Amino acid sequence: MARLEDHFSLGEKLGEGQFGTAYLCADKATHKIYACKSIPKRKLHSQEDVEEVRREIQIMHHLSEHPNVVQIKGTYEDSTSVHIVMELCGGGELFDRIIKKGRFSEREAAKHIKMIVRAVEACHSAGVMHRDLKPENFLFVNPDDDAELKVIDFGLSVFFKPGQVFSDVVGSPYYVAPEVLLKHYGPEVDVWSAGVILYILLSGFPPFSAGTESEILREVLQGELDVESDPWTSISDSAKDLVKKMLDRDPRKRFSAKQVLRHPWIVDNGVIPDIPLIPSHP
């Protein structure tokens, strides 16, 4: 495999994940700037860890042409690390924009969720389940208000076949689907996670929250979905309908990504009132 330093020079550190560290990197030939995720081999303790990295790279190549999926440029290996070079999304995380704004107007929320669910639909059409969708894993390509959103971090993603059932518990507490906690699930879990993101975009807080992680997970399993109290009184019935269909606890009744994209609130988002909602305060 080609060596990273033959083609790229590493720059400043961008962030750190479970296995790897992300850096800025520059193509020595074109001087174009990319992001590089470097995974030290010493962190890959088992054959299973090695397989997960291989699968992540394979999945990224598989989905790389989609406009809402981060594009992989190449992979490199040396004696100490595996390096994944990908396009640089310089607009920051969706998470940071949520923190900054508090809440989004319906039109903005519809625009963002449309890009998120397009990415989900692309994954599912290619037989890929992401399993860790959250605002931290969506990056804007640039700082503009109308920038494209791209899904990143396929570290927990897997290939699936229709009807295949998974049982390993993965994901993040606020965003994990109830059936993951019950250890019996399929790709519908990604639509649940996208539904949680939509709920947050519209209201400014997650649908199921509590003091401790175990209490959050209990809420995910049993808590009541509130789309009636403030600020939901100022949100359209159509938006509430979509939230409820994405956060149906029965995965057989839950909307698929395709159905979400066909929902009137998404299709007609040009006619959604662009009322800048007042940021919610606890």
C-alpha atoms as a PDB file:
ATOM      1  CA  MET A   1       0.000   0.000   0.000  1.00  0.00           C
ATOM      2  CA  ALA A   2       1.248   3.528  -0.796  1.00  0.00           C
ATOM      3  CA  ARG A   3       2.768   5.584   2.006  1.00  0.00           C
ATOM      4  CA  LEU A   4       0.968   8.733   3.159  1.00  0.00           C
ATOM      5  CA  GLU A   5       4.098  10.924   3.363  1.00  0.00           C
ATOM      6  CA  ASP A   6       4.897  10.271  -0.305  1.00  0.00           C
ATOM      7  CA  HIS A   7       1.731  12.130  -1.306  1.00  0.00           C
ATOM      8  CA  PHE A   8       0.574  14.280   1.636  1.00  0.00           C
ATOM      9  CA  SER A   9       1.970  16.436   4.409  1.00  0.00           C
ATOM     10  CA  LEU A  10       0.120  16.380   7.745  1.00  0.00           C
ATOM     11  CA  GLY A  11      -1.002  19.620   9.395  1.00  0.00           C
ATOM     12  CA  GLU A  12      -2.843  20.596  12.565  1.00  0.00           C
ATOM     13  CA  LYS A  13      -4.983  18.194  14.583  1.00  0.00           C
ATOM     14  CA  LEU A  14      -8.735  18.504  13.966  1.00  0.00           C
ATOM     15  CA  GLY A  15     -10.114  16.121  16.574  1.00  0.00           C
ATOM     16  CA  GLU A  16      -9.936  12.728  18.222  1.00  0.00           C
ATOM     17  CA  GLY A  17     -12.180   9.649  18.125  1.00  0.00           C
ATOM     18  CA  GLN A  18     -12.286   6.209  19.727  1.00  0.00           C
ATOM     19  CA  PHE A  19      -9.579   4.738  17.482  1.00  0.00           C
ATOM     20  CA  GLY A  20      -8.158   7.558  15.407  1.00  0.00           C
ATOM     21  CA  THR A  21      -7.066  11.181  15.286  1.00  0.00           C
ATOM     22  CA  ALA A  22      -8.095  13.555  12.476  1.00  0.00           C
ATOM     23  CA  TYR A  23      -5.596  15.991  10.959  1.00  0.00           C
ATOM     24  CA  LEU A  24      -5.531  18.532   8.187  1.00  0.00           C
ATOM     25  CA  CYS A  25      -3.380  17.288   5.318  1.00  0.00           C
ATOM     26  CA  ALA A  26      -2.185  18.792   2.038  1.00  0.00           C
ATOM     27  CA  ASP A  27      -1.693  17.027  -1.283  1.00  0.00           C
ATOM     28  CA  LYS A  28       1.965  17.640  -2.163  1.00  0.00           C
ATOM     29  CA  ALA A  29       1.220  17.731  -5.902  1.00  0.00           C
ATOM     30  CA  THR A  30      -1.889  19.946  -5.996  1.00  0.00           C
ATOM     31  CA  HIS A  31      -1.652  21.651  -2.546  1.00  0.00           C
ATOM     32  CA  LYS A  32      -5.348  20.858  -2.062  1.00  0.00           C
ATOM     33  CA  ILE A  33      -6.350  20.492   1.605  1.00  0.00           C
ATOM     34  CA  TYR A  34      -8.016  17.305   2.899  1.00  0.00           C
ATOM     35  CA  ALA A  35      -8.789  15.677   6.232  1.00  0.00           C
ATOM     36  CA  CYS A  36      -6.823  12.608   7.311  1.00  0.00           C
ATOM     37  CA  LYS A  37      -7.988  10.113   9.929  1.00  0.00           C
ATOM     38  CA  SER A  38      -4.940   8.288  11.321  1.00  0.00           C
ATOM     39  CA  ILE A  39      -5.546   5.053  13.226  1.00  0.00           C
ATOM     40  CA  PRO A  40      -2.557   3.747  15.249  1.00  0.00           C
ATOM     41  CA  LYS A  41      -2.201  -0.027  14.812  1.00  0.00           C
ATOM     42  CA  ARG A  42      -1.436  -0.408  18.547  1.00  0.00           C
ATOM     43  CA  LYS A  43      -5.078   0.598  19.218  1.00  0.00           C
ATOM     44  CA  LEU A  44      -6.315  -2.321  17.106  1.00  0.00           C
ATOM     45  CA  HIS A  45      -6.164  -4.956  19.823  1.00  0.00           C
ATOM     46  CA  SER A  46      -7.932  -7.795  18.039  1.00  0.00           C
ATOM     47  CA  GLN A  47      -8.614  -9.179  14.577  1.00  0.00           C
ATOM     48  CA  GLU A  48     -12.152  -7.847  15.055  1.00  0.00           C
ATOM     49  CA  ASP A  49     -10.778  -4.282  15.444  1.00  0.00           C
ATOM     50  CA  VAL A  50      -8.762  -4.723  12.223  1.00  0.00           C
ATOM     51  CA  GLU A  51     -11.867  -5.991  10.414  1.00  0.00           C
ATOM     52  CA  GLU A  52     -13.875  -2.967  11.638  1.00  0.00           C
ATOM     53  CA  VAL A  53     -11.330  -0.553  10.133  1.00  0.00           C
ATOM     54  CA  ARG A  54     -11.308  -2.525   6.865  1.00  0.00           C
ATOM     55  CA  ARG A  55     -15.109  -2.443   6.797  1.00  0.00           C
ATOM     56  CA  GLU A  56     -15.200   1.311   7.500  1.00  0.00           C
ATOM     57  CA  ILE A  57     -12.915   1.932   4.499  1.00  0.00           C
ATOM     58  CA  GLN A  58     -14.935  -0.443   2.302  1.00  0.00           C
ATOM     59  CA  ILE A  59     -18.225   1.260   3.257  1.00  0.00           C
ATOM     60  CA  MET A  60     -16.795   4.740   2.598  1.00  0.00           C
ATOM     61  CA  HIS A  61     -15.669   3.674  -0.885  1.00  0.00           C
ATOM     62  CA  HIS A  62     -19.090   2.100  -1.443  1.00  0.00           C
ATOM     63  CA  LEU A  63     -20.975   5.348  -0.662  1.00  0.00           C
ATOM     64  CA  SER A  64     -18.393   7.946  -1.639  1.00  0.00           C
ATOM     65  CA  GLU A  65     -20.170   9.360  -4.697  1.00  0.00           C
ATOM     66  CA  HIS A  66     -23.259  10.500  -2.766  1.00  0.00           C
ATOM     67  CA  PRO A  67     -23.465  14.293  -2.199  1.00  0.00           C
ATOM     68  CA  ASN A  68     -24.426  13.840   1.479  1.00  0.00           C
ATOM     69  CA  VAL A  69     -21.689  11.325   2.324  1.00  0.00           C
ATOM     70  CA  VAL A  70     -18.102  12.419   3.008  1.00  0.00           C
ATOM     71  CA  GLN A  71     -15.906  11.507   0.038  1.00  0.00           C
ATOM     72  CA  ILE A  72     -12.879   9.245   0.535  1.00  0.00           C
ATOM     73  CA  LYS A  73      -9.727  10.207  -1.371  1.00  0.00           C
ATOM     74  CA  GLY A  74      -7.527   7.222  -0.534  1.00  0.00           C
ATOM     75  CA  THR A  75      -6.084   4.940   2.134  1.00  0.00           C
ATOM     76  CA  TYR A  76      -2.440   4.593   3.135  1.00  0.00           C
ATOM     77  CA  GLU A  77      -0.564   2.369   5.542  1.00  0.00           C
ATOM     78  CA  ASP A  78       2.821   2.389   7.248  1.00  0.00           C
ATOM     79  CA  SER A  79       4.406   0.328  10.021  1.00  0.00           C
ATOM     80  CA  THR A  80       2.546   2.189  12.793  1.00  0.00           C
ATOM     81  CA  SER A  81      -0.769   3.471  11.372  1.00  0.00           C
ATOM     82  CA  VAL A  82      -3.557   3.251   8.814  1.00  0.00           C
ATOM     83  CA  HIS A  83      -4.483   6.625   7.271  1.00  0.00           C
ATOM     84  CA  ILE A  84      -7.821   7.463   5.605  1.00  0.00           C
ATOM     85  CA  VAL A  85      -7.698  10.656   3.500  1.00  0.00           C
ATOM     86  CA  MET A  86     -11.072  12.260   2.809  1.00  0.00           C
ATOM     87  CA  GLU A  87     -12.580  15.549   1.707  1.00  0.00           C
ATOM     88  CA  LEU A  88     -12.354  18.352   4.239  1.00  0.00           C
ATOM     89  CA  CYS A  89     -15.721  19.629   5.443  1.00  0.00           C
ATOM     90  CA  GLY A  90     -14.804  23.051   6.791  1.00  0.00           C
ATOM     91  CA  GLY A  91     -18.201  24.191   8.083  1.00  0.00           C
ATOM     92  CA  GLY A  92     -18.102  22.355  11.408  1.00  0.00           C
ATOM     93  CA  GLU A  93     -20.518  19.921  13.030  1.00  0.00           C
ATOM     94  CA  LEU A  94     -24.295  20.171  12.949  1.00  0.00           C
ATOM     95  CA  PHE A  95     -23.970  19.760  16.750  1.00  0.00           C
ATOM     96  CA  ASP A  96     -22.136  23.101  17.035  1.00  0.00           C
ATOM     97  CA  ARG A  97     -24.766  24.928  14.964  1.00  0.00           C
ATOM     98  CA  ILE A  98     -27.518  23.490  17.186  1.00  0.00           C
ATOM     99  CA  ILE A  99     -25.679  24.724  20.296  1.00  0.00           C
ATOM    100  CA  LYS A 100     -25.222  28.146  18.693  1.00  0.00           C
ATOM    101  CA  LYS A 101     -28.801  28.551  17.397  1.00  0.00           C
ATOM    102  CA  GLY A 102     -30.826  26.720  20.045  1.00  0.00           C
ATOM    103  CA  ARG A 103     -33.613  25.958  17.564  1.00  0.00           C
ATOM    104  CA  PHE A 104     -34.214  26.183  13.832  1.00  0.00           C
ATOM    105  CA  SER A 105     -37.143  27.491  11.831  1.00  0.00           C
ATOM    106  CA  GLU A 106     -39.232  24.754  10.215  1.00  0.00           C
ATOM    107  CA  ARG A 107     -37.844  25.598   6.791  1.00  0.00           C
ATOM    108  CA  GLU A 108     -34.230  25.292   8.014  1.00  0.00           C
ATOM    109  CA  ALA A 109     -35.004  22.099   9.934  1.00  0.00           C
ATOM    110  CA  ALA A 110     -36.657  20.574   6.844  1.00  0.00           C
ATOM    111  CA  LYS A 111     -33.661  21.490   4.690  1.00  0.00           C
ATOM    112  CA  HIS A 112     -31.219  19.851   7.147  1.00  0.00           C
ATOM    113  CA  ILE A 113     -33.286  16.728   7.774  1.00  0.00           C
ATOM    114  CA  LYS A 114     -33.754  16.242   4.028  1.00  0.00           C
ATOM    115  CA  MET A 115     -29.958  16.034   3.575  1.00  0.00           C
ATOM    116  CA  ILE A 116     -29.611  13.762   6.621  1.00  0.00           C
ATOM    117  CA  VAL A 117     -32.302  11.356   5.404  1.00  0.00           C
ATOM    118  CA  ARG A 118     -30.924  11.390   1.859  1.00  0.00           C
ATOM    119  CA  ALA A 119     -27.672  10.110   3.365  1.00  0.00           C
ATOM    120  CA  VAL A 120     -29.615   7.450   5.308  1.00  0.00           C
ATOM    121  CA  GLU A 121     -31.483   6.429   2.158  1.00  0.00           C
ATOM    122  CA  ALA A 122     -28.175   6.137   0.255  1.00  0.00           C
ATOM    123  CA  CYS A 123     -26.760   3.929   3.026  1.00  0.00           C
ATOM    124  CA  HIS A 124     -29.814   1.657   3.116  1.00  0.00           C
ATOM    125  CA  SER A 125     -30.006   1.385  -0.689  1.00  0.00           C
ATOM    126  CA  ALA A 126     -26.378   0.196  -0.634  1.00  0.00           C
ATOM    127  CA  GLY A 127     -27.105  -2.312   2.144  1.00  0.00           C
ATOM    128  CA  VAL A 128     -25.332  -0.259   4.820  1.00  0.00           C
ATOM    129  CA  MET A 129     -26.645   0.542   8.307  1.00  0.00           C
ATOM    130  CA  HIS A 130     -24.801   3.506   9.919  1.00  0.00           C
ATOM    131  CA  ARG A 131     -25.774   2.782  13.573  1.00  0.00           C
ATOM    132  CA  ASP A 132     -24.344   6.002  15.044  1.00  0.00           C
ATOM    133  CA  LEU A 133     -26.245   8.921  13.524  1.00  0.00           C
ATOM    134  CA  LYS A 134     -26.024  12.032  15.726  1.00  0.00           C
ATOM    135  CA  PRO A 135     -25.375  15.754  15.103  1.00  0.00           C
ATOM    136  CA  GLU A 136     -21.640  15.268  15.819  1.00  0.00           C
ATOM    137  CA  ASN A 137     -21.439  12.912  12.818  1.00  0.00           C
ATOM    138  CA  PHE A 138     -22.780  15.409  10.284  1.00  0.00           C
ATOM    139  CA  LEU A 139     -20.441  18.092   8.942  1.00  0.00           C
ATOM    140  CA  PHE A 140     -21.172  21.148   6.806  1.00  0.00           C
ATOM    141  CA  VAL A 141     -18.939  21.493   3.731  1.00  0.00           C
ATOM    142  CA  ASN A 142     -18.386  25.199   4.494  1.00  0.00           C
ATOM    143  CA  PRO A 143     -19.533  27.844   7.027  1.00  0.00           C
ATOM    144  CA  ASP A 144     -22.364  29.192   4.800  1.00  0.00           C
ATOM    145  CA  ASP A 145     -25.971  28.983   6.038  1.00  0.00           C
ATOM    146  CA  ASP A 146     -26.992  26.981   2.958  1.00  0.00           C
ATOM    147  CA  ALA A 147     -24.004  24.585   3.029  1.00  0.00           C
ATOM    148  CA  GLU A 148     -24.476  20.884   2.219  1.00  0.00           C
ATOM    149  CA  LEU A 149     -24.426  18.444   5.143  1.00  0.00           C
ATOM    150  CA  LYS A 150     -22.390  15.232   4.923  1.00  0.00           C
ATOM    151  CA  VAL A 151     -22.441  12.152   7.123  1.00  0.00           C
ATOM    152  CA  ILE A 152     -19.088  10.986   8.495  1.00  0.00           C
ATOM    153  CA  ASP A 153     -17.679   8.286  10.790  1.00  0.00           C
ATOM    154  CA  PHE A 154     -18.656   4.843   9.560  1.00  0.00           C
ATOM    155  CA  GLY A 155     -16.757   3.161  12.409  1.00  0.00           C
ATOM    156  CA  LEU A 156     -19.880   1.392  13.749  1.00  0.00           C
ATOM    157  CA  SER A 157     -21.480   0.816  10.343  1.00  0.00           C
ATOM    158  CA  VAL A 158     -22.206  -2.648   8.955  1.00  0.00           C
ATOM    159  CA  PHE A 159     -23.432  -4.233   5.761  1.00  0.00           C
ATOM    160  CA  PHE A 160     -26.852  -5.872   6.115  1.00  0.00           C
ATOM    161  CA  LYS A 161     -29.087  -8.162   4.069  1.00  0.00           C
ATOM    162  CA  PRO A 162     -32.888  -7.725   3.939  1.00  0.00           C
ATOM    163  CA  GLY A 163     -34.462  -9.333   7.002  1.00  0.00           C
ATOM    164  CA  GLN A 164     -31.129  -9.748   8.794  1.00  0.00           C
ATOM    165  CA  VAL A 165     -31.371  -9.197  12.564  1.00  0.00           C
ATOM    166  CA  PHE A 166     -28.598  -7.594  14.630  1.00  0.00           C
ATOM    167  CA  SER A 167     -28.114  -7.854  18.397  1.00  0.00           C
ATOM    168  CA  ASP A 168     -24.953  -5.936  19.369  1.00  0.00           C
ATOM    169  CA  VAL A 169     -25.712  -2.810  21.379  1.00  0.00           C
ATOM    170  CA  VAL A 170     -24.033   0.218  19.742  1.00  0.00           C
ATOM    171  CA  GLY A 171     -24.802   3.909  19.329  1.00  0.00           C
ATOM    172  CA  SER A 172     -25.157   6.976  21.561  1.00  0.00           C
ATOM    173  CA  PRO A 173     -27.664   7.227  24.460  1.00  0.00           C
ATOM    174  CA  TYR A 174     -29.897  10.100  23.252  1.00  0.00           C
ATOM    175  CA  TYR A 175     -30.031   8.799  19.664  1.00  0.00           C
ATOM    176  CA  VAL A 176     -30.141   5.013  20.023  1.00  0.00           C
ATOM    177  CA  ALA A 177     -33.354   3.269  18.920  1.00  0.00           C
ATOM    178  CA  PRO A 178     -35.299   1.236  21.516  1.00  0.00           C
ATOM    179  CA  GLU A 179     -34.933  -2.023  19.564  1.00  0.00           C
ATOM    180  CA  VAL A 180     -31.104  -1.716  19.752  1.00  0.00           C
ATOM    181  CA  LEU A 181     -31.431  -1.841  23.561  1.00  0.00           C
ATOM    182  CA  LEU A 182     -33.677  -4.894  23.118  1.00  0.00           C
ATOM    183  CA  LYS A 183     -30.920  -6.480  20.974  1.00  0.00           C
ATOM    184  CA  HIS A 184     -33.125  -7.225  17.974  1.00  0.00           C
ATOM    185  CA  TYR A 185     -32.905  -4.695  15.141  1.00  0.00           C
ATOM    186  CA  GLY A 186     -32.307  -3.757  11.506  1.00  0.00           C
ATOM    187  CA  PRO A 187     -31.764  -0.578   9.427  1.00  0.00           C
ATOM    188  CA  GLU A 188     -34.888   1.119  10.842  1.00  0.00           C
ATOM    189  CA  VAL A 189     -32.649   2.254  13.741  1.00  0.00           C
ATOM    190  CA  ASP A 190     -31.094   4.926  11.498  1.00  0.00           C
ATOM    191  CA  VAL A 191     -34.481   6.538  10.838  1.00  0.00           C
ATOM    192  CA  TRP A 192     -35.127   6.659  14.607  1.00  0.00           C
ATOM    193  CA  SER A 193     -31.796   8.463  15.141  1.00  0.00           C
ATOM    194  CA  ALA A 194     -32.629  10.921  12.328  1.00  0.00           C
ATOM    195  CA  GLY A 195     -36.036  11.459  14.002  1.00  0.00           C
ATOM    196  CA  VAL A 196     -34.294  12.367  17.265  1.00  0.00           C
ATOM    197  CA  ILE A 197     -32.157  14.887  15.342  1.00  0.00           C
ATOM    198  CA  LEU A 198     -35.313  16.381  13.762  1.00  0.00           C
ATOM    199  CA  TYR A 199     -36.951  16.672  17.198  1.00  0.00           C
ATOM    200  CA  ILE A 200     -33.868  18.552  18.476  1.00  0.00           C
ATOM    201  CA  LEU A 201     -33.716  20.854  15.420  1.00  0.00           C
ATOM    202  CA  LEU A 202     -37.335  21.889  15.985  1.00  0.00           C
ATOM    203  CA  SER A 203     -37.482  22.078  19.787  1.00  0.00           C
ATOM    204  CA  GLY A 204     -33.909  22.662  20.969  1.00  0.00           C
ATOM    205  CA  PHE A 205     -33.737  19.565  23.190  1.00  0.00           C
ATOM    206  CA  PRO A 206     -33.834  15.753  22.823  1.00  0.00           C
ATOM    207  CA  PRO A 207     -37.129  13.831  23.057  1.00  0.00           C
ATOM    208  CA  PHE A 208     -35.841  11.461  25.732  1.00  0.00           C
ATOM    209  CA  SER A 209     -33.541  12.868  28.373  1.00  0.00           C
ATOM    210  CA  ALA A 210     -32.746  12.323  32.043  1.00  0.00           C
ATOM    211  CA  GLY A 211     -29.942  12.718  34.566  1.00  0.00           C
ATOM    212  CA  THR A 212     -27.933   9.534  34.050  1.00  0.00           C
ATOM    213  CA  GLU A 213     -27.196   7.346  31.040  1.00  0.00           C
ATOM    214  CA  SER A 214     -29.276   4.440  32.401  1.00  0.00           C
ATOM    215  CA  GLU A 215     -32.221   6.814  32.995  1.00  0.00           C
ATOM    216  CA  ILE A 216     -31.899   8.178  29.439  1.00  0.00           C
ATOM    217  CA  LEU A 217     -32.012   4.612  28.073  1.00  0.00           C
ATOM    218  CA  ARG A 218     -35.092   3.859  30.215  1.00  0.00           C
ATOM    219  CA  GLU A 219     -36.769   6.953  28.716  1.00  0.00           C
ATOM    220  CA  VAL A 220     -35.843   5.776  25.196  1.00  0.00           C
ATOM    221  CA  LEU A 221     -37.573   2.465  25.951  1.00  0.00           C
ATOM    222  CA  GLN A 222     -40.625   3.756  27.854  1.00  0.00           C
ATOM    223  CA  GLY A 223     -40.790   7.567  27.906  1.00  0.00           C
ATOM    224  CA  GLU A 224     -43.690   9.449  26.355  1.00  0.00           C
ATOM    225  CA  LEU A 225     -43.004  11.401  23.166  1.00  0.00           C
ATOM    226  CA  ASP A 226     -44.062  14.981  23.868  1.00  0.00           C
ATOM    227  CA  VAL A 227     -45.048  17.048  20.829  1.00  0.00           C
ATOM    228  CA  GLU A 228     -47.749  19.039  22.630  1.00  0.00           C
ATOM    229  CA  SER A 229     -46.115  21.265  25.256  1.00  0.00           C
ATOM    230  CA  ASP A 230     -44.098  24.408  24.547  1.00  0.00           C
ATOM    231  CA  PRO A 231     -42.396  24.999  22.045  1.00  0.00           C
ATOM    232  CA  TRP A 232     -44.442  22.449  20.045  1.00  0.00           C
ATOM    233  CA  THR A 233     -47.540  24.672  20.288  1.00  0.00           C
ATOM    234  CA  SER A 234     -45.928  26.926  17.642  1.00  0.00           C
ATOM    235  CA  ILE A 235     -44.837  24.048  15.348  1.00  0.00           C
ATOM    236  CA  SER A 236     -46.983  22.823  12.435  1.00  0.00           C
ATOM    237  CA  ASP A 237     -49.065  19.635  12.638  1.00  0.00           C
ATOM    238  CA  SER A 238     -47.278  18.338   9.555  1.00  0.00           C
ATOM    239  CA  ALA A 239     -43.867  18.598  11.267  1.00  0.00           C
ATOM    240  CA  LYS A 240     -45.252  16.858  14.372  1.00  0.00           C
ATOM    241  CA  ASP A 241     -46.721  14.103  12.190  1.00  0.00           C
ATOM    242  CA  LEU A 242     -43.326  13.375  10.626  1.00  0.00           C
ATOM    243  CA  VAL A 243     -41.576  13.361  14.030  1.00  0.00           C
ATOM    244  CA  LYS A 244     -44.124  10.837  15.323  1.00  0.00           C
ATOM    245  CA  LYS A 245     -43.716   8.621  12.241  1.00  0.00           C
ATOM    246  CA  MET A 246     -39.911   8.628  12.569  1.00  0.00           C
ATOM    247  CA  LEU A 247     -40.065   7.985  16.327  1.00  0.00           C
ATOM    248  CA  ASP A 248     -42.574   5.136  16.255  1.00  0.00           C
ATOM    249  CA  ARG A 249     -41.306   2.540  18.750  1.00  0.00           C
ATOM    250  CA  ASP A 250     -42.519  -0.246  16.458  1.00  0.00           C
ATOM    251  CA  PRO A 251     -39.845  -0.496  13.738  1.00  0.00           C
ATOM    252  CA  ARG A 252     -42.366  -2.233  11.419  1.00  0.00           C
ATOM    253  CA  LYS A 253     -44.604   0.882  11.510  1.00  0.00           C
ATOM    254  CA  ARG A 254     -41.768   3.424  11.521  1.00  0.00           C
ATOM    255  CA  PHE A 255     -41.272   5.351   8.283  1.00  0.00           C
ATOM    256  CA  SER A 256     -38.473   4.225   5.985  1.00  0.00           C
ATOM    257  CA  ALA A 257     -35.981   6.816   4.676  1.00  0.00           C
ATOM    258  CA  LYS A 258     -37.855   6.819   1.327  1.00  0.00           C
ATOM    259  CA  GLN A 259     -41.176   7.503   3.080  1.00  0.00           C
ATOM    260  CA  VAL A 260     -39.629  10.365   5.068  1.00  0.00           C
ATOM    261  CA  LEU A 261     -38.413  11.995   1.844  1.00  0.00           C
ATOM    262  CA  ARG A 262     -41.942  11.710   0.406  1.00  0.00           C
ATOM    263  CA  HIS A 263     -43.664  13.205   3.473  1.00  0.00           C
ATOM    264  CA  PRO A 264     -45.535  16.470   2.662  1.00  0.00           C
ATOM    265  CA  TRP A 265     -43.551  18.441   5.259  1.00  0.00           C
ATOM    266  CA  ILE A 266     -40.308  17.547   3.444  1.00  0.00           C
ATOM    267  CA  VAL A 267     -41.678  17.789  -0.111  1.00  0.00           C
ATOM    268  CA  ASP A 268     -43.405  21.127   0.519  1.00  0.00           C
ATOM    269  CA  ASN A 269     -40.679  22.688   2.623  1.00  0.00           C
ATOM    270  CA  GLY A 270     -40.695  25.690   0.311  1.00  0.00           C
ATOM    271  CA  VAL A 271     -44.113  26.641   1.720  1.00  0.00           C
ATOM    272  CA  ILE A 272     -43.182  26.029   5.358  1.00  0.00           C
ATOM    273  CA  PRO A 273     -43.309  29.288   7.306  1.00  0.00           C
ATOM    274  CA  ASP A 274     -39.747  30.497   7.873  1.00  0.00           C
ATOM    275  CA  ILE A 275     -40.552  31.940  11.297  1.00  0.00           C
ATOM    276  CA  PRO A 276     -37.286  32.302  13.213  1.00  0.00           C
ATOM    277  CA  LEU A 277     -38.178  30.468  16.399  1.00  0.00           C
ATOM    278  CA  ILE A 278     -37.074  32.039  19.650  1.00  0.00           C
ATOM    279  CA  PRO A 279     -34.329  29.875  21.201  1.00  0.00           C
ATOM    280  CA  SER A 280     -35.835  27.739  23.960  1.00  0.00           C
ATOM    281  CA  HIS A 281     -34.705  28.252  27.520  1.00  0.00           C
ATOM    282  CA  PRO A 282     -35.074  25.642  30.238  1.00  0.00           C
END
